[in-house]
Every structure is written in C-alpha cells, then in structure tokens.
Amino acid sequence: MKVPYARKWQKETDKLRQIALDCDLTEELKWGKPCFTFLKKNVAIVIPLKESCAFSFFKGALLKDPKHILERIGEHTQAGRWIKFTSPRKIATLRLTLKDYLYEAIELEESGKKIELKKPSAYPIPEELQRMLDDNAVLRSAFTALTPGRRKSYIFHVSSAKQAKTRAARAEKCVPMILSGRGFNELPN
C-alpha cells in the first residue's frame, strides 16, 4: 500500500532518515515507513502525514525532552512522542537536538528500561456497553476473545460520547463488528 503523502514530504523524510542513520541505527521498512532500530528494537520512525512529516520516538515518554519539542501522538498514547516538521529548514535547525534525543533513546534500549503501560482492564467499560455484554452471552464471549487493543478501541469509542443516549447508540452499532472479531477502526476483510 502506498503512503499517500510520502512523495509530498520526501525531502523531509530523507533528512530525518540521514539523521537517524548518522546515529548508527539500522533502517528497516515497517508499516510501509522508514523505521530505525537498535538491537532489533524499534527506536524511531518517520511518518508522512497530510499536513506534516513526523519523526516519532517509540519510547518518547521516557525521553527528557529539555527543548520541549516532543508532542503526545494522541489522547490515549502512552509511550510514543513525536515532533512534526513542515520544512527541511526546521529539521536542519533541530538536527543536533534530534541526534541527542536519538542517542538518549538508544541508551534507553541498551538499559532495557520499559514503559509501564496501563492494562486494558484499567479502562472501565462504559455502562451502556457493559449492559449489552451482560445481556448477551455470545456478544460477551466475542468481546472477551478480542485482543486487548481491539477491546480498548470499543471502550474509547463508546465512552468518548458525552450523552448516555449517544453512548448507547454507539454500543449498539459496535455489535456486528465485535461479533466479527474486528477492532473499531478495522475494515472488514
């Protein structure tokens, strides 16, 4: 699958790749993107987006970030942090900082330090979805059989609605997808 924005951000991608390679990281293609590893552990990845090109650190939450340039990727992101670029010039101005961050990320990998991730059970199932699971053994069994990430996708989707009526409607719409074994954001096979 082609990344639709890869060509648009080719200059930025090339500059970020070179910075990572200068830090003696191994480049691999993962998820269709240039990913940089140390001892076969993911350290960073370049992600072309619609409005920018992101350089993402897999364990960015553990980085010191003295320049305060790293952003949380999403509301529920626990480990990853990224910085977005819209020009090769901005990358050039942060080149040394990015190298420092990469060397720190490599040290984290060498140390074996891990991020304590919240367990899926730490996320409460919204009562509208829980009621449906309690009332339907087949649905409950299908939900339990989902991977933790897929269960979380439904929990986040249903619980993000402000009104109980909307949460109930969302839970109802999720039933066929849960029964098919898909996560909320997955397309059917």
N, C-alpha and C. Protein backbone atom coordinates (compact mmCIF):
# COMPACT_ATOMS: atom_id res chain seq x y z
N MET A 1 0.83 -1.18 0.00
CA MET A 1 0.00 0.00 0.00
C MET A 1 0.88 1.25 0.00
N LYS A 2 0.57 2.18 -0.86
CA LYS A 2 1.35 3.41 -0.94
C LYS A 2 0.89 4.39 0.12
N VAL A 3 1.85 5.08 0.71
CA VAL A 3 1.53 6.13 1.67
C VAL A 3 1.20 7.37 0.85
N PRO A 4 -0.05 7.89 0.94
CA PRO A 4 -0.47 8.96 0.04
C PRO A 4 0.35 10.24 0.15
N TYR A 5 0.95 10.50 1.29
CA TYR A 5 1.66 11.77 1.48
C TYR A 5 3.17 11.61 1.42
N ALA A 6 3.65 10.40 1.15
CA ALA A 6 5.09 10.14 1.19
C ALA A 6 5.85 11.03 0.21
N ARG A 7 5.35 11.17 -1.00
CA ARG A 7 6.05 11.96 -2.02
C ARG A 7 6.10 13.44 -1.62
N LYS A 8 5.02 13.93 -1.04
CA LYS A 8 4.93 15.34 -0.64
C LYS A 8 6.03 15.70 0.37
N TRP A 9 6.37 14.74 1.25
CA TRP A 9 7.33 15.00 2.32
C TRP A 9 8.66 14.28 2.08
N GLN A 10 9.01 14.02 0.82
CA GLN A 10 10.21 13.25 0.52
C GLN A 10 11.49 13.93 1.02
N LYS A 11 11.62 15.25 0.85
CA LYS A 11 12.84 15.94 1.30
C LYS A 11 12.97 15.85 2.82
N GLU A 12 11.86 16.04 3.53
CA GLU A 12 11.88 15.95 4.98
C GLU A 12 12.21 14.53 5.43
N THR A 13 11.60 13.55 4.77
CA THR A 13 11.86 12.14 5.09
C THR A 13 13.34 11.81 4.90
N ASP A 14 13.91 12.27 3.78
CA ASP A 14 15.32 11.99 3.51
C ASP A 14 16.23 12.60 4.58
N LYS A 15 15.94 13.83 4.99
CA LYS A 15 16.77 14.48 6.02
C LYS A 15 16.66 13.76 7.36
N LEU A 16 15.45 13.36 7.73
CA LEU A 16 15.25 12.64 9.00
C LEU A 16 15.92 11.27 8.96
N ARG A 17 15.82 10.60 7.82
CA ARG A 17 16.48 9.29 7.66
C ARG A 17 17.99 9.44 7.86
N GLN A 18 18.57 10.47 7.26
CA GLN A 18 20.01 10.66 7.35
C GLN A 18 20.45 10.92 8.79
N ILE A 19 19.67 11.69 9.53
CA ILE A 19 19.98 11.96 10.94
C ILE A 19 20.00 10.65 11.72
N ALA A 20 18.98 9.82 11.51
CA ALA A 20 18.90 8.53 12.23
C ALA A 20 20.05 7.62 11.82
N LEU A 21 20.37 7.58 10.55
CA LEU A 21 21.47 6.73 10.08
C LEU A 21 22.82 7.21 10.61
N ASP A 22 22.96 8.52 10.77
CA ASP A 22 24.19 9.08 11.35
C ASP A 22 24.38 8.64 12.80
N CYS A 23 23.32 8.21 13.44
CA CYS A 23 23.39 7.73 14.83
C CYS A 23 23.60 6.22 14.90
N ASP A 24 23.97 5.62 13.77
CA ASP A 24 24.26 4.18 13.67
C ASP A 24 23.05 3.29 13.95
N LEU A 25 21.88 3.79 13.65
CA LEU A 25 20.68 2.96 13.77
C LEU A 25 20.52 2.15 12.49
N THR A 26 19.82 1.05 12.59
CA THR A 26 19.54 0.20 11.43
C THR A 26 18.19 0.62 10.86
N GLU A 27 18.15 0.83 9.56
CA GLU A 27 16.89 1.21 8.92
C GLU A 27 16.17 -0.02 8.40
N GLU A 28 14.89 -0.11 8.71
CA GLU A 28 14.04 -1.18 8.22
C GLU A 28 12.74 -0.55 7.75
N LEU A 29 12.06 -1.22 6.84
CA LEU A 29 10.76 -0.75 6.40
C LEU A 29 9.71 -1.48 7.23
N LYS A 30 8.99 -0.72 8.06
CA LYS A 30 7.94 -1.31 8.89
C LYS A 30 6.68 -0.48 8.71
N TRP A 31 5.56 -1.13 8.55
CA TRP A 31 4.29 -0.46 8.34
C TRP A 31 4.37 0.48 7.13
N GLY A 32 5.25 0.12 6.18
CA GLY A 32 5.41 0.92 4.98
C GLY A 32 6.18 2.22 5.19
N LYS A 33 6.87 2.35 6.33
CA LYS A 33 7.58 3.59 6.67
C LYS A 33 9.00 3.27 7.11
N PRO A 34 9.92 4.24 6.95
CA PRO A 34 11.29 4.02 7.43
C PRO A 34 11.32 3.99 8.96
N CYS A 35 11.73 2.86 9.50
CA CYS A 35 11.78 2.65 10.94
C CYS A 35 13.23 2.39 11.32
N PHE A 36 13.65 2.93 12.44
CA PHE A 36 15.05 2.83 12.85
C PHE A 36 15.15 2.04 14.13
N THR A 37 16.01 1.02 14.09
CA THR A 37 16.10 0.09 15.21
C THR A 37 17.51 0.04 15.78
N PHE A 38 17.59 -0.42 17.02
CA PHE A 38 18.85 -0.68 17.69
C PHE A 38 18.70 -2.03 18.37
N LEU A 39 19.59 -2.97 18.01
CA LEU A 39 19.50 -4.35 18.52
C LEU A 39 18.10 -4.93 18.29
N LYS A 40 17.57 -4.67 17.10
CA LYS A 40 16.26 -5.17 16.66
C LYS A 40 15.08 -4.59 17.45
N LYS A 41 15.32 -3.52 18.22
CA LYS A 41 14.25 -2.84 18.97
C LYS A 41 13.92 -1.53 18.27
N ASN A 42 12.64 -1.24 18.09
CA ASN A 42 12.22 -0.01 17.44
C ASN A 42 12.61 1.19 18.30
N VAL A 43 13.26 2.18 17.67
CA VAL A 43 13.66 3.40 18.36
C VAL A 43 12.86 4.59 17.83
N ALA A 44 12.81 4.74 16.50
CA ALA A 44 12.12 5.89 15.90
C ALA A 44 11.58 5.50 14.53
N ILE A 45 10.63 6.30 14.05
CA ILE A 45 10.02 6.05 12.74
C ILE A 45 9.65 7.40 12.12
N VAL A 46 9.76 7.47 10.80
CA VAL A 46 9.36 8.66 10.05
C VAL A 46 7.96 8.40 9.50
N ILE A 47 7.04 9.34 9.78
CA ILE A 47 5.65 9.15 9.38
C ILE A 47 5.17 10.34 8.55
N PRO A 48 5.04 10.17 7.22
CA PRO A 48 4.49 11.25 6.41
C PRO A 48 2.98 11.38 6.69
N LEU A 49 2.57 12.58 7.05
CA LEU A 49 1.16 12.86 7.33
C LEU A 49 0.62 13.83 6.28
N LYS A 50 -0.63 14.16 6.37
CA LYS A 50 -1.23 15.07 5.39
C LYS A 50 -0.62 16.47 5.48
N GLU A 51 -0.51 17.00 6.70
CA GLU A 51 -0.07 18.38 6.88
C GLU A 51 1.38 18.52 7.34
N SER A 52 2.06 17.41 7.59
CA SER A 52 3.43 17.47 8.08
C SER A 52 4.09 16.10 7.95
N CYS A 53 5.37 16.08 8.31
CA CYS A 53 6.12 14.83 8.36
C CYS A 53 6.56 14.68 9.81
N ALA A 54 6.22 13.56 10.43
CA ALA A 54 6.51 13.37 11.85
C ALA A 54 7.69 12.44 12.05
N PHE A 55 8.48 12.77 13.05
CA PHE A 55 9.57 11.90 13.50
C PHE A 55 9.15 11.43 14.88
N SER A 56 8.88 10.14 15.01
CA SER A 56 8.28 9.61 16.22
C SER A 56 9.24 8.69 16.97
N PHE A 57 9.30 8.88 18.28
CA PHE A 57 10.10 8.03 19.16
C PHE A 57 9.18 7.04 19.86
N PHE A 58 9.47 5.75 19.73
CA PHE A 58 8.61 4.72 20.31
C PHE A 58 8.51 4.83 21.83
N LYS A 59 9.60 5.20 22.50
CA LYS A 59 9.59 5.37 23.95
C LYS A 59 9.79 6.85 24.30
N GLY A 60 9.18 7.71 23.53
CA GLY A 60 9.35 9.15 23.71
C GLY A 60 8.94 9.65 25.08
N ALA A 61 8.01 8.97 25.72
CA ALA A 61 7.56 9.40 27.06
C ALA A 61 8.70 9.30 28.08
N LEU A 62 9.70 8.48 27.79
CA LEU A 62 10.84 8.34 28.71
C LEU A 62 11.97 9.34 28.43
N LEU A 63 11.90 10.01 27.29
CA LEU A 63 12.96 10.97 26.94
C LEU A 63 12.83 12.23 27.80
N LYS A 64 13.97 12.83 28.12
CA LYS A 64 13.96 14.02 28.98
C LYS A 64 13.32 15.23 28.29
N ASP A 65 13.51 15.38 26.99
CA ASP A 65 12.93 16.47 26.18
C ASP A 65 13.21 17.86 26.76
N PRO A 66 14.49 18.22 26.97
CA PRO A 66 14.80 19.53 27.54
C PRO A 66 14.36 20.70 26.66
N LYS A 67 14.22 20.47 25.36
CA LYS A 67 13.79 21.54 24.44
C LYS A 67 12.27 21.63 24.32
N HIS A 68 11.56 20.69 24.93
CA HIS A 68 10.09 20.66 24.90
C HIS A 68 9.55 20.66 23.47
N ILE A 69 10.12 19.80 22.65
CA ILE A 69 9.68 19.73 21.24
C ILE A 69 8.81 18.52 20.96
N LEU A 70 8.78 17.55 21.87
CA LEU A 70 8.01 16.34 21.63
C LEU A 70 6.56 16.53 22.04
N GLU A 71 5.66 15.98 21.23
CA GLU A 71 4.23 16.05 21.50
C GLU A 71 3.69 14.64 21.69
N ARG A 72 2.64 14.57 22.47
CA ARG A 72 1.90 13.32 22.60
C ARG A 72 1.21 13.05 21.27
N ILE A 73 1.23 11.82 20.81
CA ILE A 73 0.69 11.50 19.50
C ILE A 73 -0.84 11.55 19.49
N GLY A 74 -1.44 11.07 20.54
CA GLY A 74 -2.89 11.09 20.64
C GLY A 74 -3.30 11.08 22.10
N GLU A 75 -4.56 11.30 22.33
CA GLU A 75 -5.08 11.40 23.69
C GLU A 75 -4.77 10.16 24.54
N HIS A 76 -4.81 9.00 23.92
CA HIS A 76 -4.62 7.75 24.66
C HIS A 76 -3.22 7.16 24.49
N THR A 77 -2.34 7.87 23.80
CA THR A 77 -0.98 7.37 23.59
C THR A 77 -0.22 7.36 24.90
N GLN A 78 0.39 6.23 25.22
CA GLN A 78 1.11 6.12 26.48
C GLN A 78 2.62 6.27 26.29
N ALA A 79 3.20 5.67 25.27
CA ALA A 79 4.66 5.62 25.14
C ALA A 79 5.22 6.57 24.09
N GLY A 80 4.64 6.60 22.93
CA GLY A 80 5.20 7.35 21.81
C GLY A 80 5.07 8.85 21.94
N ARG A 81 6.05 9.55 21.37
CA ARG A 81 6.02 11.00 21.27
C ARG A 81 6.62 11.36 19.91
N TRP A 82 6.16 12.45 19.33
CA TRP A 82 6.68 12.84 18.03
C TRP A 82 6.89 14.32 17.93
N ILE A 83 7.61 14.71 16.88
CA ILE A 83 7.78 16.10 16.51
C ILE A 83 7.42 16.16 15.03
N LYS A 84 6.64 17.18 14.67
CA LYS A 84 6.20 17.32 13.28
C LYS A 84 7.02 18.40 12.58
N PHE A 85 7.31 18.13 11.31
CA PHE A 85 8.09 19.07 10.51
C PHE A 85 7.32 19.42 9.24
N THR A 86 7.47 20.67 8.81
CA THR A 86 6.85 21.11 7.56
C THR A 86 7.87 21.67 6.59
N SER A 87 9.16 21.61 6.97
CA SER A 87 10.20 22.09 6.05
C SER A 87 11.54 21.46 6.40
N PRO A 88 12.37 21.26 5.37
CA PRO A 88 13.72 20.76 5.63
C PRO A 88 14.52 21.74 6.51
N ARG A 89 14.22 23.03 6.41
CA ARG A 89 14.94 24.03 7.20
C ARG A 89 14.73 23.83 8.69
N LYS A 90 13.50 23.53 9.10
CA LYS A 90 13.23 23.29 10.51
C LYS A 90 13.98 22.05 11.00
N ILE A 91 14.06 21.04 10.16
CA ILE A 91 14.81 19.83 10.51
C ILE A 91 16.28 20.19 10.70
N ALA A 92 16.81 21.00 9.79
CA ALA A 92 18.22 21.39 9.88
C ALA A 92 18.50 22.14 11.19
N THR A 93 17.57 22.99 11.63
CA THR A 93 17.80 23.74 12.88
C THR A 93 17.75 22.83 14.11
N LEU A 94 17.03 21.71 14.00
CA LEU A 94 16.91 20.80 15.15
C LEU A 94 17.77 19.54 15.00
N ARG A 95 18.62 19.53 14.00
CA ARG A 95 19.42 18.33 13.70
C ARG A 95 20.20 17.82 14.92
N LEU A 96 20.93 18.68 15.59
CA LEU A 96 21.73 18.26 16.74
C LEU A 96 20.84 17.81 17.90
N THR A 97 19.72 18.50 18.10
CA THR A 97 18.78 18.11 19.16
C THR A 97 18.22 16.73 18.87
N LEU A 98 17.83 16.48 17.63
CA LEU A 98 17.29 15.17 17.26
C LEU A 98 18.33 14.08 17.48
N LYS A 99 19.59 14.37 17.15
CA LYS A 99 20.65 13.38 17.38
C LYS A 99 20.79 13.11 18.88
N ASP A 100 20.76 14.16 19.69
CA ASP A 100 20.83 13.97 21.15
C ASP A 100 19.69 13.09 21.64
N TYR A 101 18.48 13.35 21.12
CA TYR A 101 17.31 12.57 21.53
C TYR A 101 17.46 11.11 21.07
N LEU A 102 17.99 10.92 19.86
CA LEU A 102 18.20 9.56 19.36
C LEU A 102 19.22 8.81 20.21
N TYR A 103 20.31 9.47 20.57
CA TYR A 103 21.31 8.81 21.42
C TYR A 103 20.71 8.47 22.79
N GLU A 104 19.87 9.35 23.32
CA GLU A 104 19.21 9.04 24.59
C GLU A 104 18.26 7.84 24.42
N ALA A 105 17.55 7.81 23.29
CA ALA A 105 16.63 6.69 23.01
C ALA A 105 17.41 5.37 22.88
N ILE A 106 18.60 5.44 22.29
CA ILE A 106 19.44 4.24 22.17
C ILE A 106 19.88 3.78 23.56
N GLU A 107 20.26 4.72 24.42
CA GLU A 107 20.66 4.38 25.79
C GLU A 107 19.49 3.72 26.54
N LEU A 108 18.28 4.20 26.30
CA LEU A 108 17.10 3.58 26.93
C LEU A 108 16.96 2.13 26.50
N GLU A 109 17.19 1.87 25.21
CA GLU A 109 17.10 0.50 24.71
C GLU A 109 18.20 -0.37 25.32
N GLU A 110 19.40 0.19 25.40
CA GLU A 110 20.52 -0.57 26.00
C GLU A 110 20.24 -0.91 27.46
N SER A 111 19.58 0.01 28.16
CA SER A 111 19.31 -0.21 29.58
C SER A 111 18.17 -1.20 29.81
N GLY A 112 17.37 -1.43 28.75
CA GLY A 112 16.23 -2.34 28.88
C GLY A 112 15.04 -1.71 29.57
N LYS A 113 15.10 -0.42 29.81
CA LYS A 113 14.01 0.28 30.50
C LYS A 113 12.73 0.20 29.68
N LYS A 114 11.64 -0.06 30.37
CA LYS A 114 10.34 -0.19 29.71
C LYS A 114 9.35 0.82 30.28
N ILE A 115 8.34 1.10 29.50
CA ILE A 115 7.26 1.98 29.95
C ILE A 115 6.17 1.10 30.53
N GLU A 116 5.74 1.43 31.73
CA GLU A 116 4.63 0.70 32.35
C GLU A 116 3.33 1.15 31.69
N LEU A 117 2.81 0.31 30.82
CA LEU A 117 1.57 0.64 30.11
C LEU A 117 0.37 0.24 30.95
N LYS A 118 -0.66 1.07 30.83
CA LYS A 118 -1.91 0.73 31.51
C LYS A 118 -2.47 -0.53 30.87
N LYS A 119 -2.93 -1.43 31.69
CA LYS A 119 -3.56 -2.67 31.20
C LYS A 119 -4.95 -2.33 30.67
N PRO A 120 -5.41 -3.08 29.66
CA PRO A 120 -6.76 -2.83 29.15
C PRO A 120 -7.82 -2.87 30.26
N SER A 121 -7.59 -3.68 31.29
CA SER A 121 -8.56 -3.77 32.38
C SER A 121 -8.61 -2.47 33.20
N ALA A 122 -7.62 -1.59 33.02
CA ALA A 122 -7.61 -0.31 33.73
C ALA A 122 -8.59 0.68 33.11
N TYR A 123 -9.08 0.36 31.92
CA TYR A 123 -10.05 1.23 31.25
C TYR A 123 -11.45 0.67 31.51
N PRO A 124 -12.27 1.38 32.25
CA PRO A 124 -13.60 0.86 32.55
C PRO A 124 -14.48 0.77 31.29
N ILE A 125 -15.21 -0.31 31.20
CA ILE A 125 -16.15 -0.48 30.09
C ILE A 125 -17.35 0.43 30.36
N PRO A 126 -17.72 1.27 29.40
CA PRO A 126 -18.88 2.16 29.61
C PRO A 126 -20.12 1.32 29.94
N GLU A 127 -20.93 1.84 30.85
CA GLU A 127 -22.07 1.03 31.32
C GLU A 127 -23.02 0.64 30.20
N GLU A 128 -23.14 1.48 29.16
CA GLU A 128 -24.02 1.14 28.04
C GLU A 128 -23.52 -0.10 27.30
N LEU A 129 -22.21 -0.21 27.14
CA LEU A 129 -21.63 -1.39 26.50
C LEU A 129 -21.66 -2.57 27.47
N GLN A 130 -21.36 -2.32 28.74
CA GLN A 130 -21.35 -3.39 29.74
C GLN A 130 -22.73 -4.05 29.85
N ARG A 131 -23.77 -3.23 29.81
CA ARG A 131 -25.14 -3.76 29.89
C ARG A 131 -25.40 -4.73 28.73
N MET A 132 -24.95 -4.35 27.53
CA MET A 132 -25.16 -5.22 26.36
C MET A 132 -24.37 -6.52 26.51
N LEU A 133 -23.16 -6.42 27.05
CA LEU A 133 -22.34 -7.61 27.26
C LEU A 133 -22.97 -8.53 28.31
N ASP A 134 -23.52 -7.93 29.36
CA ASP A 134 -24.17 -8.72 30.42
C ASP A 134 -25.41 -9.43 29.92
N ASP A 135 -26.12 -8.80 28.97
CA ASP A 135 -27.38 -9.35 28.47
C ASP A 135 -27.22 -10.34 27.32
N ASN A 136 -26.01 -10.45 26.76
CA ASN A 136 -25.82 -11.27 25.57
C ASN A 136 -24.53 -12.09 25.71
N ALA A 137 -24.67 -13.37 26.02
CA ALA A 137 -23.51 -14.23 26.26
C ALA A 137 -22.63 -14.38 25.02
N VAL A 138 -23.24 -14.42 23.83
CA VAL A 138 -22.46 -14.55 22.59
C VAL A 138 -21.61 -13.29 22.38
N LEU A 139 -22.23 -12.14 22.60
CA LEU A 139 -21.51 -10.88 22.45
C LEU A 139 -20.39 -10.77 23.49
N ARG A 140 -20.69 -11.14 24.72
CA ARG A 140 -19.70 -11.10 25.81
C ARG A 140 -18.50 -12.00 25.47
N SER A 141 -18.77 -13.19 24.95
CA SER A 141 -17.72 -14.12 24.57
C SER A 141 -16.89 -13.55 23.42
N ALA A 142 -17.54 -12.94 22.44
CA ALA A 142 -16.83 -12.35 21.30
C ALA A 142 -15.96 -11.17 21.76
N PHE A 143 -16.48 -10.36 22.67
CA PHE A 143 -15.74 -9.21 23.19
C PHE A 143 -14.51 -9.68 23.97
N THR A 144 -14.69 -10.69 24.79
CA THR A 144 -13.60 -11.24 25.60
C THR A 144 -12.51 -11.85 24.71
N ALA A 145 -12.92 -12.40 23.55
CA ALA A 145 -11.97 -13.04 22.64
C ALA A 145 -11.14 -12.02 21.84
N LEU A 146 -11.57 -10.75 21.83
CA LEU A 146 -10.83 -9.73 21.10
C LEU A 146 -9.48 -9.48 21.75
N THR A 147 -8.53 -9.00 20.95
CA THR A 147 -7.23 -8.61 21.51
C THR A 147 -7.45 -7.42 22.44
N PRO A 148 -6.55 -7.19 23.39
CA PRO A 148 -6.70 -6.05 24.29
C PRO A 148 -6.84 -4.71 23.54
N GLY A 149 -6.08 -4.55 22.47
CA GLY A 149 -6.17 -3.31 21.70
C GLY A 149 -7.53 -3.12 21.04
N ARG A 150 -8.09 -4.21 20.55
CA ARG A 150 -9.42 -4.13 19.92
C ARG A 150 -10.48 -3.82 20.97
N ARG A 151 -10.37 -4.42 22.15
CA ARG A 151 -11.33 -4.10 23.22
C ARG A 151 -11.24 -2.62 23.58
N LYS A 152 -10.01 -2.13 23.70
CA LYS A 152 -9.82 -0.71 24.04
C LYS A 152 -10.43 0.19 22.97
N SER A 153 -10.33 -0.20 21.70
CA SER A 153 -10.87 0.65 20.63
C SER A 153 -12.38 0.86 20.82
N TYR A 154 -13.09 -0.18 21.25
CA TYR A 154 -14.52 -0.04 21.51
C TYR A 154 -14.79 0.77 22.78
N ILE A 155 -14.01 0.52 23.81
CA ILE A 155 -14.17 1.26 25.06
C ILE A 155 -13.99 2.75 24.81
N PHE A 156 -12.92 3.11 24.08
CA PHE A 156 -12.65 4.53 23.81
C PHE A 156 -13.75 5.13 22.94
N HIS A 157 -14.18 4.40 21.92
CA HIS A 157 -15.20 4.93 21.01
C HIS A 157 -16.52 5.19 21.74
N VAL A 158 -16.96 4.21 22.50
CA VAL A 158 -18.25 4.36 23.18
C VAL A 158 -18.14 5.40 24.30
N SER A 159 -17.10 5.36 25.09
CA SER A 159 -17.00 6.26 26.24
C SER A 159 -16.72 7.70 25.87
N SER A 160 -16.26 7.97 24.65
CA SER A 160 -15.96 9.35 24.27
C SER A 160 -17.22 10.18 23.99
N ALA A 161 -18.36 9.52 23.87
CA ALA A 161 -19.62 10.27 23.69
C ALA A 161 -20.04 10.89 25.02
N LYS A 162 -20.51 12.12 24.95
CA LYS A 162 -20.87 12.84 26.18
C LYS A 162 -22.23 12.39 26.74
N GLN A 163 -23.16 12.10 25.87
CA GLN A 163 -24.51 11.77 26.32
C GLN A 163 -24.73 10.25 26.37
N ALA A 164 -25.48 9.83 27.36
CA ALA A 164 -25.78 8.40 27.53
C ALA A 164 -26.49 7.84 26.29
N LYS A 165 -27.36 8.63 25.71
CA LYS A 165 -28.10 8.19 24.52
C LYS A 165 -27.13 7.91 23.36
N THR A 166 -26.15 8.77 23.20
CA THR A 166 -25.16 8.58 22.14
C THR A 166 -24.27 7.38 22.45
N ARG A 167 -23.88 7.22 23.72
CA ARG A 167 -23.07 6.05 24.10
C ARG A 167 -23.83 4.76 23.80
N ALA A 168 -25.11 4.73 24.12
CA ALA A 168 -25.93 3.54 23.86
C ALA A 168 -26.03 3.26 22.36
N ALA A 169 -26.21 4.32 21.56
CA ALA A 169 -26.30 4.14 20.10
C ALA A 169 -24.97 3.63 19.54
N ARG A 170 -23.88 4.16 20.06
CA ARG A 170 -22.56 3.71 19.60
C ARG A 170 -22.33 2.24 19.96
N ALA A 171 -22.69 1.87 21.17
CA ALA A 171 -22.52 0.49 21.61
C ALA A 171 -23.32 -0.45 20.70
N GLU A 172 -24.54 -0.05 20.38
CA GLU A 172 -25.40 -0.85 19.50
C GLU A 172 -24.77 -1.04 18.12
N LYS A 173 -24.19 0.03 17.57
CA LYS A 173 -23.57 -0.04 16.24
C LYS A 173 -22.30 -0.90 16.25
N CYS A 174 -21.69 -1.06 17.41
CA CYS A 174 -20.45 -1.85 17.51
C CYS A 174 -20.70 -3.36 17.52
N VAL A 175 -21.91 -3.77 17.82
CA VAL A 175 -22.21 -5.20 17.98
C VAL A 175 -21.77 -6.04 16.78
N PRO A 176 -22.15 -5.68 15.53
CA PRO A 176 -21.72 -6.53 14.41
C PRO A 176 -20.20 -6.62 14.25
N MET A 177 -19.52 -5.51 14.53
CA MET A 177 -18.05 -5.52 14.40
C MET A 177 -17.41 -6.38 15.48
N ILE A 178 -17.93 -6.29 16.70
CA ILE A 178 -17.41 -7.13 17.79
C ILE A 178 -17.62 -8.60 17.46
N LEU A 179 -18.80 -8.92 16.98
CA LEU A 179 -19.11 -10.31 16.63
C LEU A 179 -18.24 -10.83 15.49
N SER A 180 -17.77 -9.92 14.63
CA SER A 180 -16.92 -10.34 13.51
C SER A 180 -15.44 -10.43 13.92
N GLY A 181 -15.12 -10.01 15.15
CA GLY A 181 -13.75 -10.11 15.64
C GLY A 181 -12.85 -8.95 15.26
N ARG A 182 -13.45 -7.89 14.73
CA ARG A 182 -12.67 -6.72 14.31
C ARG A 182 -12.58 -5.69 15.42
N GLY A 183 -11.56 -4.83 15.34
CA GLY A 183 -11.48 -3.67 16.20
C GLY A 183 -12.32 -2.57 15.61
N PHE A 184 -12.58 -1.52 16.38
CA PHE A 184 -13.47 -0.47 15.92
C PHE A 184 -12.99 0.17 14.62
N ASN A 185 -11.71 0.40 14.47
CA ASN A 185 -11.20 1.11 13.29
C ASN A 185 -10.81 0.20 12.13
N GLU A 186 -11.05 -1.08 12.26
CA GLU A 186 -10.66 -2.03 11.21
C GLU A 186 -11.74 -2.18 10.16
N LEU A 187 -11.29 -2.27 8.92
CA LEU A 187 -12.22 -2.51 7.81
C LEU A 187 -12.46 -4.00 7.71
N PRO A 188 -13.63 -4.40 7.18
CA PRO A 188 -13.90 -5.83 7.01
C PRO A 188 -12.93 -6.42 5.98
N ASN A 189 -12.64 -7.71 6.13
CA ASN A 189 -11.72 -8.40 5.20
C ASN A 189 -12.33 -8.54 3.84
